[in-house]
Amino acid sequence: MTAHAHIPGTIGPNSITRMAQALTRQQGDSVTVRIFETAGLAHYLSEPPTRMVDEKGVTALHRVMRETLTPEDARSVSREAGHLTAEYLLANRIPKPVQTLLRLLPAKPASRILLAAISRNAWTFTGSGRFQVDHGRTLELRITGGPICKEIQSHEPVCDYYAATFEHLFQSLVHKNTVVRETACCAMGAPDCLFVVTWDL
């Protein structure tokens, strides 16, 4: 996995461009424009970002989307955006020889290699937040202080974008039956956003 130079408080452009794609596909142009305008990001619809963006814009985008759409629609848009982000990473950021190697390995060692690469580049999706991996009895991924849920209060987890990105990468490279569930979220008052990764062997 390769990335741009690390600039504190910034996040990769996929967090904007893939949300725009998913919103347009599912909700249409007018709703997408309204959400991006309200979030102060309308300029990105005519000129999609190609470099790192301020994480505050990503926070605003997810907050406005959650305020505008139903919880079900917001979840669906976020999951599609995460899926699209994973597709981009597979096509452009994870070298093809590495992908081939991961698919040949058993799931556990493949997951360790993939997560080592994700950890090295975690700042590209967590911004000023922190990403941790726990290879315990259950594989758990934690994001502390991530940008997606900073301004959201909810009774259920809201980081569907992350869950879908992780899930699609794991399904493509580690095990086709991988499921990633967010079981705790900062939007619910938890100290971290916790993602549990499982697959059937």
N, C-alpha and C. Protein backbone atom coordinates (compact mmCIF):
# COMPACT_ATOMS: atom_id res chain seq x y z
N MET A 1 0.84 -1.18 0.00
CA MET A 1 0.00 0.00 0.00
C MET A 1 0.88 1.23 0.00
N THR A 2 0.63 2.16 -0.88
CA THR A 2 1.41 3.39 -0.91
C THR A 2 0.51 4.56 -0.61
N ALA A 3 1.10 5.68 -0.21
CA ALA A 3 0.29 6.85 0.17
C ALA A 3 1.07 8.12 -0.09
N HIS A 4 0.37 9.26 0.01
CA HIS A 4 1.02 10.55 -0.11
C HIS A 4 1.75 10.87 1.19
N ALA A 5 2.51 11.97 1.18
CA ALA A 5 3.21 12.41 2.37
C ALA A 5 2.22 12.71 3.49
N HIS A 6 2.63 12.41 4.72
CA HIS A 6 1.76 12.58 5.88
C HIS A 6 1.67 14.06 6.27
N ILE A 7 0.48 14.61 6.18
CA ILE A 7 0.21 15.97 6.64
C ILE A 7 -0.80 15.86 7.77
N PRO A 8 -0.45 16.26 9.01
CA PRO A 8 -1.35 16.10 10.15
C PRO A 8 -2.72 16.72 9.91
N GLY A 9 -3.77 16.01 10.36
CA GLY A 9 -5.12 16.54 10.25
C GLY A 9 -5.72 16.44 8.87
N THR A 10 -5.11 15.64 8.00
CA THR A 10 -5.66 15.46 6.66
C THR A 10 -6.03 14.00 6.45
N ILE A 11 -6.81 13.76 5.41
CA ILE A 11 -7.31 12.42 5.12
C ILE A 11 -7.36 12.25 3.60
N GLY A 12 -7.33 11.02 3.14
CA GLY A 12 -7.28 10.75 1.71
C GLY A 12 -8.51 11.24 0.96
N PRO A 13 -8.35 11.61 -0.30
CA PRO A 13 -9.46 12.16 -1.09
C PRO A 13 -10.60 11.19 -1.34
N ASN A 14 -10.34 9.87 -1.21
CA ASN A 14 -11.42 8.90 -1.38
C ASN A 14 -12.58 9.16 -0.42
N SER A 15 -12.27 9.71 0.74
CA SER A 15 -13.31 9.98 1.73
C SER A 15 -14.32 11.01 1.23
N ILE A 16 -13.92 11.78 0.22
CA ILE A 16 -14.82 12.75 -0.41
C ILE A 16 -15.37 12.20 -1.72
N THR A 17 -14.48 11.75 -2.59
CA THR A 17 -14.90 11.36 -3.95
C THR A 17 -15.81 10.15 -3.95
N ARG A 18 -15.54 9.16 -3.11
CA ARG A 18 -16.39 7.96 -3.11
C ARG A 18 -17.74 8.24 -2.46
N MET A 19 -17.77 9.15 -1.49
CA MET A 19 -19.06 9.55 -0.92
C MET A 19 -19.90 10.26 -1.97
N ALA A 20 -19.26 11.10 -2.78
CA ALA A 20 -19.99 11.79 -3.84
C ALA A 20 -20.56 10.78 -4.84
N GLN A 21 -19.76 9.79 -5.21
CA GLN A 21 -20.22 8.75 -6.14
C GLN A 21 -21.42 8.00 -5.57
N ALA A 22 -21.28 7.54 -4.33
CA ALA A 22 -22.33 6.74 -3.72
C ALA A 22 -23.61 7.55 -3.53
N LEU A 23 -23.47 8.79 -3.08
CA LEU A 23 -24.64 9.66 -2.91
C LEU A 23 -25.36 9.87 -4.23
N THR A 24 -24.61 10.16 -5.28
CA THR A 24 -25.21 10.42 -6.59
C THR A 24 -25.94 9.19 -7.10
N ARG A 25 -25.33 8.03 -6.96
CA ARG A 25 -25.95 6.79 -7.44
C ARG A 25 -27.24 6.49 -6.69
N GLN A 26 -27.24 6.69 -5.38
CA GLN A 26 -28.37 6.27 -4.57
C GLN A 26 -29.42 7.36 -4.35
N GLN A 27 -28.98 8.63 -4.32
CA GLN A 27 -29.90 9.71 -3.95
C GLN A 27 -30.12 10.74 -5.06
N GLY A 28 -29.29 10.69 -6.10
CA GLY A 28 -29.44 11.63 -7.21
C GLY A 28 -28.62 12.90 -7.04
N ASP A 29 -28.55 13.66 -8.11
CA ASP A 29 -27.71 14.86 -8.13
C ASP A 29 -28.17 15.93 -7.15
N SER A 30 -29.46 16.20 -7.09
CA SER A 30 -29.94 17.32 -6.28
C SER A 30 -29.66 17.12 -4.80
N VAL A 31 -29.88 15.90 -4.30
CA VAL A 31 -29.61 15.62 -2.89
C VAL A 31 -28.11 15.69 -2.62
N THR A 32 -27.32 15.17 -3.54
CA THR A 32 -25.87 15.21 -3.38
C THR A 32 -25.38 16.64 -3.31
N VAL A 33 -25.86 17.49 -4.21
CA VAL A 33 -25.45 18.89 -4.22
C VAL A 33 -25.85 19.56 -2.91
N ARG A 34 -27.07 19.29 -2.44
CA ARG A 34 -27.54 19.92 -1.20
C ARG A 34 -26.67 19.52 -0.02
N ILE A 35 -26.33 18.24 0.06
CA ILE A 35 -25.50 17.78 1.17
C ILE A 35 -24.10 18.38 1.10
N PHE A 36 -23.51 18.37 -0.08
CA PHE A 36 -22.16 18.93 -0.22
C PHE A 36 -22.15 20.43 0.01
N GLU A 37 -23.18 21.14 -0.43
CA GLU A 37 -23.25 22.58 -0.18
C GLU A 37 -23.36 22.87 1.31
N THR A 38 -24.23 22.14 1.99
CA THR A 38 -24.42 22.35 3.42
C THR A 38 -23.14 22.05 4.20
N ALA A 39 -22.38 21.05 3.73
CA ALA A 39 -21.12 20.69 4.39
C ALA A 39 -19.97 21.62 4.00
N GLY A 40 -20.23 22.58 3.08
CA GLY A 40 -19.19 23.49 2.63
C GLY A 40 -18.19 22.87 1.67
N LEU A 41 -18.63 21.85 0.96
CA LEU A 41 -17.73 21.09 0.08
C LEU A 41 -18.20 21.08 -1.38
N ALA A 42 -19.08 22.00 -1.75
CA ALA A 42 -19.65 21.98 -3.10
C ALA A 42 -18.58 22.04 -4.19
N HIS A 43 -17.48 22.73 -3.91
CA HIS A 43 -16.42 22.85 -4.92
C HIS A 43 -15.83 21.51 -5.33
N TYR A 44 -15.93 20.53 -4.44
CA TYR A 44 -15.37 19.22 -4.75
C TYR A 44 -16.23 18.43 -5.75
N LEU A 45 -17.45 18.86 -5.97
CA LEU A 45 -18.29 18.17 -6.95
C LEU A 45 -17.87 18.52 -8.38
N SER A 46 -17.42 19.75 -8.59
CA SER A 46 -16.95 20.15 -9.92
C SER A 46 -15.46 19.86 -10.11
N GLU A 47 -14.71 19.88 -9.01
CA GLU A 47 -13.28 19.59 -9.07
C GLU A 47 -12.94 18.60 -7.96
N PRO A 48 -13.15 17.30 -8.20
CA PRO A 48 -12.87 16.29 -7.17
C PRO A 48 -11.42 16.38 -6.69
N PRO A 49 -11.21 16.22 -5.38
CA PRO A 49 -9.84 16.33 -4.84
C PRO A 49 -8.97 15.17 -5.30
N THR A 50 -7.71 15.47 -5.50
CA THR A 50 -6.74 14.43 -5.88
C THR A 50 -5.63 14.33 -4.84
N ARG A 51 -5.64 15.23 -3.87
CA ARG A 51 -4.65 15.22 -2.79
C ARG A 51 -5.35 15.10 -1.45
N MET A 52 -4.58 15.02 -0.39
CA MET A 52 -5.15 14.91 0.94
C MET A 52 -6.05 16.11 1.22
N VAL A 53 -7.13 15.87 1.97
CA VAL A 53 -8.09 16.92 2.29
C VAL A 53 -8.18 17.09 3.81
N ASP A 54 -8.66 18.26 4.23
CA ASP A 54 -8.83 18.54 5.66
C ASP A 54 -9.87 17.59 6.24
N GLU A 55 -9.53 16.91 7.31
CA GLU A 55 -10.45 15.95 7.91
C GLU A 55 -11.74 16.61 8.41
N LYS A 56 -11.69 17.91 8.69
CA LYS A 56 -12.89 18.60 9.18
C LYS A 56 -14.00 18.56 8.12
N GLY A 57 -13.63 18.61 6.86
CA GLY A 57 -14.61 18.53 5.79
C GLY A 57 -15.28 17.17 5.74
N VAL A 58 -14.50 16.12 6.01
CA VAL A 58 -15.04 14.75 6.04
C VAL A 58 -16.01 14.61 7.21
N THR A 59 -15.64 15.17 8.35
CA THR A 59 -16.52 15.16 9.52
C THR A 59 -17.84 15.85 9.19
N ALA A 60 -17.76 17.01 8.57
CA ALA A 60 -18.97 17.77 8.22
C ALA A 60 -19.82 17.00 7.21
N LEU A 61 -19.19 16.36 6.25
CA LEU A 61 -19.92 15.63 5.22
C LEU A 61 -20.75 14.49 5.83
N HIS A 62 -20.14 13.73 6.71
CA HIS A 62 -20.87 12.62 7.33
C HIS A 62 -21.97 13.12 8.26
N ARG A 63 -21.70 14.22 8.97
CA ARG A 63 -22.73 14.77 9.86
C ARG A 63 -23.93 15.24 9.06
N VAL A 64 -23.69 16.01 8.00
CA VAL A 64 -24.80 16.53 7.19
C VAL A 64 -25.56 15.40 6.51
N MET A 65 -24.83 14.40 6.02
CA MET A 65 -25.51 13.27 5.39
C MET A 65 -26.44 12.57 6.38
N ARG A 66 -25.98 12.37 7.60
CA ARG A 66 -26.80 11.71 8.62
C ARG A 66 -28.00 12.58 9.00
N GLU A 67 -27.84 13.89 8.95
CA GLU A 67 -28.95 14.79 9.27
C GLU A 67 -29.97 14.86 8.13
N THR A 68 -29.52 14.58 6.91
CA THR A 68 -30.37 14.74 5.73
C THR A 68 -31.11 13.45 5.37
N LEU A 69 -30.43 12.33 5.47
CA LEU A 69 -31.00 11.06 5.03
C LEU A 69 -31.55 10.26 6.22
N THR A 70 -32.35 9.27 5.92
CA THR A 70 -32.79 8.35 6.96
C THR A 70 -31.59 7.52 7.41
N PRO A 71 -31.63 6.94 8.61
CA PRO A 71 -30.51 6.10 9.05
C PRO A 71 -30.21 4.96 8.07
N GLU A 72 -31.25 4.37 7.50
CA GLU A 72 -31.06 3.27 6.55
C GLU A 72 -30.36 3.74 5.29
N ASP A 73 -30.80 4.89 4.76
CA ASP A 73 -30.18 5.42 3.54
C ASP A 73 -28.74 5.87 3.80
N ALA A 74 -28.51 6.49 4.95
CA ALA A 74 -27.15 6.93 5.29
C ALA A 74 -26.22 5.72 5.40
N ARG A 75 -26.71 4.65 6.00
CA ARG A 75 -25.91 3.43 6.12
C ARG A 75 -25.60 2.85 4.75
N SER A 76 -26.59 2.84 3.87
CA SER A 76 -26.40 2.28 2.54
C SER A 76 -25.39 3.09 1.73
N VAL A 77 -25.50 4.42 1.80
CA VAL A 77 -24.56 5.28 1.08
C VAL A 77 -23.15 5.08 1.63
N SER A 78 -23.02 5.07 2.94
CA SER A 78 -21.71 4.91 3.55
C SER A 78 -21.07 3.58 3.18
N ARG A 79 -21.87 2.52 3.16
CA ARG A 79 -21.33 1.20 2.81
C ARG A 79 -20.89 1.16 1.35
N GLU A 80 -21.67 1.76 0.46
CA GLU A 80 -21.25 1.77 -0.94
C GLU A 80 -19.97 2.58 -1.11
N ALA A 81 -19.88 3.71 -0.42
CA ALA A 81 -18.66 4.53 -0.50
C ALA A 81 -17.45 3.76 0.02
N GLY A 82 -17.65 3.00 1.09
CA GLY A 82 -16.55 2.18 1.60
C GLY A 82 -16.15 1.10 0.63
N HIS A 83 -17.14 0.47 0.00
CA HIS A 83 -16.86 -0.56 -1.01
C HIS A 83 -16.08 0.04 -2.18
N LEU A 84 -16.50 1.21 -2.63
CA LEU A 84 -15.81 1.89 -3.73
C LEU A 84 -14.38 2.26 -3.35
N THR A 85 -14.18 2.65 -2.10
CA THR A 85 -12.84 2.98 -1.63
C THR A 85 -11.95 1.74 -1.66
N ALA A 86 -12.48 0.62 -1.19
CA ALA A 86 -11.70 -0.62 -1.23
C ALA A 86 -11.36 -1.00 -2.66
N GLU A 87 -12.31 -0.83 -3.57
CA GLU A 87 -12.05 -1.12 -4.99
C GLU A 87 -10.92 -0.25 -5.52
N TYR A 88 -10.91 1.03 -5.13
CA TYR A 88 -9.83 1.93 -5.55
C TYR A 88 -8.49 1.45 -5.01
N LEU A 89 -8.46 1.07 -3.74
CA LEU A 89 -7.22 0.61 -3.13
C LEU A 89 -6.70 -0.65 -3.82
N LEU A 90 -7.60 -1.55 -4.16
CA LEU A 90 -7.20 -2.77 -4.85
C LEU A 90 -6.65 -2.48 -6.24
N ALA A 91 -7.24 -1.49 -6.88
CA ALA A 91 -6.82 -1.16 -8.25
C ALA A 91 -5.57 -0.30 -8.31
N ASN A 92 -5.33 0.50 -7.26
CA ASN A 92 -4.28 1.52 -7.37
C ASN A 92 -3.24 1.55 -6.26
N ARG A 93 -3.53 1.00 -5.10
CA ARG A 93 -2.63 1.19 -3.97
C ARG A 93 -1.97 -0.09 -3.44
N ILE A 94 -2.59 -1.23 -3.64
CA ILE A 94 -2.00 -2.48 -3.15
C ILE A 94 -1.38 -3.20 -4.34
N PRO A 95 -0.06 -3.35 -4.37
CA PRO A 95 0.60 -3.98 -5.53
C PRO A 95 0.01 -5.34 -5.86
N LYS A 96 -0.12 -5.59 -7.14
CA LYS A 96 -0.72 -6.86 -7.59
C LYS A 96 0.04 -8.09 -7.09
N PRO A 97 1.39 -8.10 -7.05
CA PRO A 97 2.08 -9.28 -6.50
C PRO A 97 1.72 -9.53 -5.04
N VAL A 98 1.52 -8.45 -4.28
CA VAL A 98 1.13 -8.59 -2.88
C VAL A 98 -0.27 -9.19 -2.79
N GLN A 99 -1.17 -8.73 -3.65
CA GLN A 99 -2.52 -9.28 -3.66
C GLN A 99 -2.51 -10.78 -3.97
N THR A 100 -1.69 -11.16 -4.94
CA THR A 100 -1.59 -12.58 -5.31
C THR A 100 -1.07 -13.41 -4.14
N LEU A 101 -0.05 -12.88 -3.45
CA LEU A 101 0.51 -13.59 -2.30
C LEU A 101 -0.53 -13.75 -1.20
N LEU A 102 -1.25 -12.70 -0.89
CA LEU A 102 -2.25 -12.75 0.18
C LEU A 102 -3.33 -13.79 -0.12
N ARG A 103 -3.75 -13.87 -1.36
CA ARG A 103 -4.80 -14.82 -1.74
C ARG A 103 -4.32 -16.26 -1.67
N LEU A 104 -3.01 -16.48 -1.75
CA LEU A 104 -2.46 -17.83 -1.68
C LEU A 104 -2.23 -18.30 -0.24
N LEU A 105 -2.10 -17.35 0.66
CA LEU A 105 -1.81 -17.67 2.06
C LEU A 105 -3.06 -18.09 2.81
N PRO A 106 -2.90 -18.84 3.91
CA PRO A 106 -4.04 -19.07 4.81
C PRO A 106 -4.54 -17.74 5.37
N ALA A 107 -5.78 -17.73 5.82
CA ALA A 107 -6.42 -16.47 6.21
C ALA A 107 -5.68 -15.72 7.32
N LYS A 108 -5.23 -16.42 8.36
CA LYS A 108 -4.63 -15.72 9.50
C LYS A 108 -3.34 -14.99 9.13
N PRO A 109 -2.36 -15.66 8.49
CA PRO A 109 -1.17 -14.90 8.10
C PRO A 109 -1.47 -13.82 7.07
N ALA A 110 -2.41 -14.09 6.17
CA ALA A 110 -2.79 -13.06 5.18
C ALA A 110 -3.36 -11.84 5.88
N SER A 111 -4.18 -12.07 6.90
CA SER A 111 -4.78 -10.94 7.61
C SER A 111 -3.72 -10.11 8.32
N ARG A 112 -2.71 -10.77 8.87
CA ARG A 112 -1.64 -10.04 9.57
C ARG A 112 -0.85 -9.16 8.60
N ILE A 113 -0.56 -9.69 7.43
CA ILE A 113 0.18 -8.91 6.44
C ILE A 113 -0.65 -7.72 5.97
N LEU A 114 -1.93 -7.98 5.66
CA LEU A 114 -2.81 -6.90 5.20
C LEU A 114 -2.95 -5.83 6.27
N LEU A 115 -3.16 -6.23 7.51
CA LEU A 115 -3.36 -5.24 8.58
C LEU A 115 -2.08 -4.48 8.90
N ALA A 116 -0.92 -5.09 8.69
CA ALA A 116 0.34 -4.36 8.86
C ALA A 116 0.43 -3.23 7.84
N ALA A 117 0.01 -3.53 6.60
CA ALA A 117 0.01 -2.50 5.55
C ALA A 117 -1.02 -1.41 5.86
N ILE A 118 -2.20 -1.83 6.30
CA ILE A 118 -3.24 -0.85 6.66
C ILE A 118 -2.76 0.04 7.80
N SER A 119 -2.11 -0.56 8.80
CA SER A 119 -1.63 0.21 9.95
C SER A 119 -0.60 1.25 9.55
N ARG A 120 0.28 0.89 8.63
CA ARG A 120 1.30 1.84 8.18
C ARG A 120 0.69 3.06 7.50
N ASN A 121 -0.47 2.87 6.90
CA ASN A 121 -1.12 3.96 6.15
C ASN A 121 -2.41 4.44 6.80
N ALA A 122 -2.59 4.11 8.09
CA ALA A 122 -3.85 4.41 8.76
C ALA A 122 -4.18 5.89 8.80
N TRP A 123 -3.15 6.73 8.83
CA TRP A 123 -3.40 8.17 8.88
C TRP A 123 -4.16 8.67 7.66
N THR A 124 -4.12 7.91 6.56
CA THR A 124 -4.83 8.35 5.35
C THR A 124 -6.34 8.20 5.48
N PHE A 125 -6.80 7.43 6.48
CA PHE A 125 -8.25 7.33 6.67
C PHE A 125 -8.70 7.71 8.09
N THR A 126 -7.75 7.83 9.03
CA THR A 126 -8.14 8.26 10.38
C THR A 126 -7.78 9.71 10.65
N GLY A 127 -7.00 10.35 9.77
CA GLY A 127 -6.61 11.73 10.01
C GLY A 127 -5.80 11.85 11.29
N SER A 128 -6.28 12.69 12.21
CA SER A 128 -5.58 12.86 13.49
C SER A 128 -5.96 11.79 14.49
N GLY A 129 -6.81 10.86 14.09
CA GLY A 129 -7.19 9.76 14.97
C GLY A 129 -6.12 8.67 15.01
N ARG A 130 -6.46 7.56 15.67
CA ARG A 130 -5.50 6.48 15.87
C ARG A 130 -6.14 5.15 15.51
N PHE A 131 -5.37 4.28 14.88
CA PHE A 131 -5.84 2.95 14.46
C PHE A 131 -5.03 1.89 15.20
N GLN A 132 -5.73 0.90 15.76
CA GLN A 132 -5.07 -0.17 16.48
C GLN A 132 -5.65 -1.52 16.06
N VAL A 133 -4.80 -2.55 16.13
CA VAL A 133 -5.22 -3.91 15.79
C VAL A 133 -4.96 -4.81 16.99
N ASP A 134 -5.94 -5.64 17.34
CA ASP A 134 -5.78 -6.62 18.41
C ASP A 134 -5.97 -8.02 17.82
N HIS A 135 -4.85 -8.75 17.70
CA HIS A 135 -4.90 -10.12 17.18
C HIS A 135 -5.15 -11.10 18.32
N GLY A 136 -6.19 -10.87 19.09
CA GLY A 136 -6.50 -11.75 20.20
C GLY A 136 -7.36 -12.91 19.76
N ARG A 137 -8.14 -13.43 20.70
CA ARG A 137 -9.02 -14.54 20.37
C ARG A 137 -9.96 -14.15 19.24
N THR A 138 -10.39 -12.89 19.27
CA THR A 138 -11.18 -12.32 18.17
C THR A 138 -10.37 -11.19 17.55
N LEU A 139 -10.33 -11.11 16.24
CA LEU A 139 -9.62 -10.03 15.57
C LEU A 139 -10.43 -8.75 15.68
N GLU A 140 -9.85 -7.73 16.30
CA GLU A 140 -10.54 -6.46 16.52
C GLU A 140 -9.71 -5.30 15.98
N LEU A 141 -10.39 -4.37 15.34
CA LEU A 141 -9.78 -3.15 14.84
C LEU A 141 -10.40 -1.97 15.60
N ARG A 142 -9.57 -1.05 16.04
CA ARG A 142 -10.08 0.10 16.80
C ARG A 142 -9.65 1.40 16.15
N ILE A 143 -10.57 2.32 16.06
CA ILE A 143 -10.26 3.69 15.61
C ILE A 143 -10.66 4.63 16.73
N THR A 144 -9.70 5.38 17.23
CA THR A 144 -9.94 6.36 18.29
C THR A 144 -9.80 7.76 17.71
N GLY A 145 -10.80 8.59 17.90
CA GLY A 145 -10.74 9.97 17.41
C GLY A 145 -10.83 10.09 15.91
N GLY A 146 -11.46 9.12 15.25
CA GLY A 146 -11.62 9.18 13.80
C GLY A 146 -12.57 10.29 13.38
N PRO A 147 -12.47 10.77 12.14
CA PRO A 147 -13.26 11.93 11.71
C PRO A 147 -14.72 11.66 11.42
N ILE A 148 -15.10 10.43 11.11
CA ILE A 148 -16.46 10.17 10.63
C ILE A 148 -17.53 10.49 11.65
N CYS A 149 -17.30 10.13 12.91
CA CYS A 149 -18.37 10.26 13.90
C CYS A 149 -18.13 11.36 14.92
N LYS A 150 -17.19 12.25 14.67
CA LYS A 150 -16.84 13.27 15.65
C LYS A 150 -18.00 14.18 16.03
N GLU A 151 -18.87 14.49 15.09
CA GLU A 151 -19.96 15.44 15.36
C GLU A 151 -21.33 14.77 15.32
N ILE A 152 -21.35 13.45 15.52
CA ILE A 152 -22.59 12.68 15.44
C ILE A 152 -22.89 12.02 16.79
N GLN A 153 -24.14 12.10 17.20
CA GLN A 153 -24.60 11.35 18.37
C GLN A 153 -25.65 10.35 17.87
N SER A 154 -25.52 9.10 18.27
CA SER A 154 -26.39 8.07 17.73
C SER A 154 -26.59 6.95 18.75
N HIS A 155 -27.68 6.21 18.58
CA HIS A 155 -27.94 5.04 19.41
C HIS A 155 -27.37 3.78 18.79
N GLU A 156 -26.78 3.91 17.60
CA GLU A 156 -26.19 2.76 16.91
C GLU A 156 -24.90 3.19 16.22
N PRO A 157 -24.02 2.26 15.91
CA PRO A 157 -22.76 2.61 15.24
C PRO A 157 -23.01 3.30 13.90
N VAL A 158 -22.14 4.24 13.55
CA VAL A 158 -22.34 5.01 12.31
C VAL A 158 -21.15 4.92 11.35
N CYS A 159 -20.10 4.18 11.70
CA CYS A 159 -18.92 4.14 10.84
C CYS A 159 -19.00 3.03 9.80
N ASP A 160 -20.13 3.01 9.09
CA ASP A 160 -20.35 1.99 8.06
C ASP A 160 -19.32 2.10 6.93
N TYR A 161 -18.85 3.31 6.69
CA TYR A 161 -17.84 3.53 5.64
C TYR A 161 -16.59 2.70 5.94
N TYR A 162 -16.09 2.79 7.17
CA TYR A 162 -14.91 2.01 7.55
C TYR A 162 -15.20 0.52 7.50
N ALA A 163 -16.32 0.11 8.08
CA ALA A 163 -16.65 -1.33 8.13
C ALA A 163 -16.69 -1.92 6.73
N ALA A 164 -17.31 -1.21 5.80
CA ALA A 164 -17.43 -1.73 4.43
C ALA A 164 -16.08 -1.76 3.72
N THR A 165 -15.24 -0.76 3.97
CA THR A 165 -13.91 -0.75 3.36
C THR A 165 -13.10 -1.95 3.85
N PHE A 166 -13.04 -2.13 5.16
CA PHE A 166 -12.31 -3.27 5.73
C PHE A 166 -12.88 -4.59 5.19
N GLU A 167 -14.20 -4.70 5.20
CA GLU A 167 -14.84 -5.95 4.81
C GLU A 167 -14.51 -6.33 3.37
N HIS A 168 -14.59 -5.37 2.46
CA HIS A 168 -14.33 -5.69 1.06
C HIS A 168 -12.87 -6.05 0.83
N LEU A 169 -11.95 -5.35 1.51
CA LEU A 169 -10.54 -5.70 1.39
C LEU A 169 -10.29 -7.12 1.89
N PHE A 170 -10.87 -7.46 3.03
CA PHE A 170 -10.69 -8.79 3.58
C PHE A 170 -11.34 -9.86 2.70
N GLN A 171 -12.52 -9.58 2.19
CA GLN A 171 -13.18 -10.55 1.32
C GLN A 171 -12.38 -10.79 0.04
N SER A 172 -11.72 -9.76 -0.44
CA SER A 172 -10.95 -9.87 -1.69
C SER A 172 -9.58 -10.51 -1.49
N LEU A 173 -8.97 -10.29 -0.31
CA LEU A 173 -7.57 -10.67 -0.13
C LEU A 173 -7.33 -11.74 0.94
N VAL A 174 -8.24 -11.90 1.88
CA VAL A 174 -8.01 -12.79 3.01
C VAL A 174 -8.95 -13.99 3.01
N HIS A 175 -10.25 -13.74 3.05
CA HIS A 175 -11.24 -14.81 3.06
C HIS A 175 -12.55 -14.27 2.54
N LYS A 176 -13.14 -14.97 1.58
CA LYS A 176 -14.34 -14.48 0.90
C LYS A 176 -15.55 -14.35 1.83
N ASN A 177 -15.54 -15.05 2.96
CA ASN A 177 -16.68 -15.01 3.87
C ASN A 177 -16.50 -14.03 5.03
N THR A 178 -15.53 -13.15 4.92
CA THR A 178 -15.27 -12.20 6.00
C THR A 178 -16.47 -11.29 6.25
N VAL A 179 -16.76 -11.07 7.52
CA VAL A 179 -17.79 -10.11 7.94
C VAL A 179 -17.13 -9.16 8.94
N VAL A 180 -17.34 -7.86 8.75
CA VAL A 180 -16.83 -6.85 9.67
C VAL A 180 -18.01 -6.13 10.29
N ARG A 181 -18.11 -6.19 11.61
CA ARG A 181 -19.21 -5.55 12.33
C ARG A 181 -18.65 -4.50 13.29
N GLU A 182 -19.24 -3.32 13.25
CA GLU A 182 -18.87 -2.29 14.23
C GLU A 182 -19.74 -2.52 15.47
N THR A 183 -19.11 -2.87 16.57
CA THR A 183 -19.86 -3.22 17.77
C THR A 183 -19.87 -2.11 18.82
N ALA A 184 -19.04 -1.10 18.66
CA ALA A 184 -19.03 0.07 19.54
C ALA A 184 -18.61 1.26 18.70
N CYS A 185 -19.09 2.45 19.07
CA CYS A 185 -18.83 3.63 18.24
C CYS A 185 -18.75 4.87 19.14
N CYS A 186 -17.83 5.76 18.80
CA CYS A 186 -17.70 7.00 19.56
C CYS A 186 -18.98 7.83 19.50
N ALA A 187 -19.75 7.67 18.43
CA ALA A 187 -21.02 8.39 18.31
C ALA A 187 -22.02 7.94 19.37
N MET A 188 -21.81 6.76 19.94
CA MET A 188 -22.67 6.23 20.98
C MET A 188 -22.11 6.52 22.38
N GLY A 189 -20.96 7.21 22.42
CA GLY A 189 -20.33 7.51 23.69
C GLY A 189 -19.20 6.57 24.07
N ALA A 190 -18.89 5.62 23.21
CA ALA A 190 -17.80 4.68 23.47
C ALA A 190 -16.45 5.39 23.30
N PRO A 191 -15.40 4.91 23.97
CA PRO A 191 -14.09 5.55 23.82
C PRO A 191 -13.44 5.33 22.46
N ASP A 192 -13.82 4.22 21.79
CA ASP A 192 -13.27 3.91 20.47
C ASP A 192 -14.39 3.38 19.58
N CYS A 193 -14.14 3.40 18.29
CA CYS A 193 -14.99 2.68 17.34
C CYS A 193 -14.35 1.30 17.15
N LEU A 194 -15.10 0.26 17.50
CA LEU A 194 -14.56 -1.09 17.53
C LEU A 194 -15.18 -1.93 16.41
N PHE A 195 -14.32 -2.56 15.61
CA PHE A 195 -14.75 -3.39 14.49
C PHE A 195 -14.27 -4.82 14.73
N VAL A 196 -15.20 -5.76 14.73
CA VAL A 196 -14.87 -7.16 14.92
C VAL A 196 -14.85 -7.86 13.56
N VAL A 197 -13.76 -8.56 13.27
CA VAL A 197 -13.55 -9.19 11.98
C VAL A 197 -13.63 -10.71 12.16
N THR A 198 -14.55 -11.34 11.42
CA THR A 198 -14.69 -12.80 11.51
C THR A 198 -14.81 -13.40 10.11
N TRP A 199 -14.46 -14.66 10.00
CA TRP A 199 -14.69 -15.41 8.77
C TRP A 199 -14.86 -16.88 9.12
N ASP A 200 -15.54 -17.60 8.25
CA ASP A 200 -15.77 -19.02 8.44
C ASP A 200 -14.67 -19.80 7.76
N LEU A 201 -13.98 -20.62 8.51
CA LEU A 201 -12.88 -21.41 7.94
C LEU A 201 -13.34 -22.79 7.55
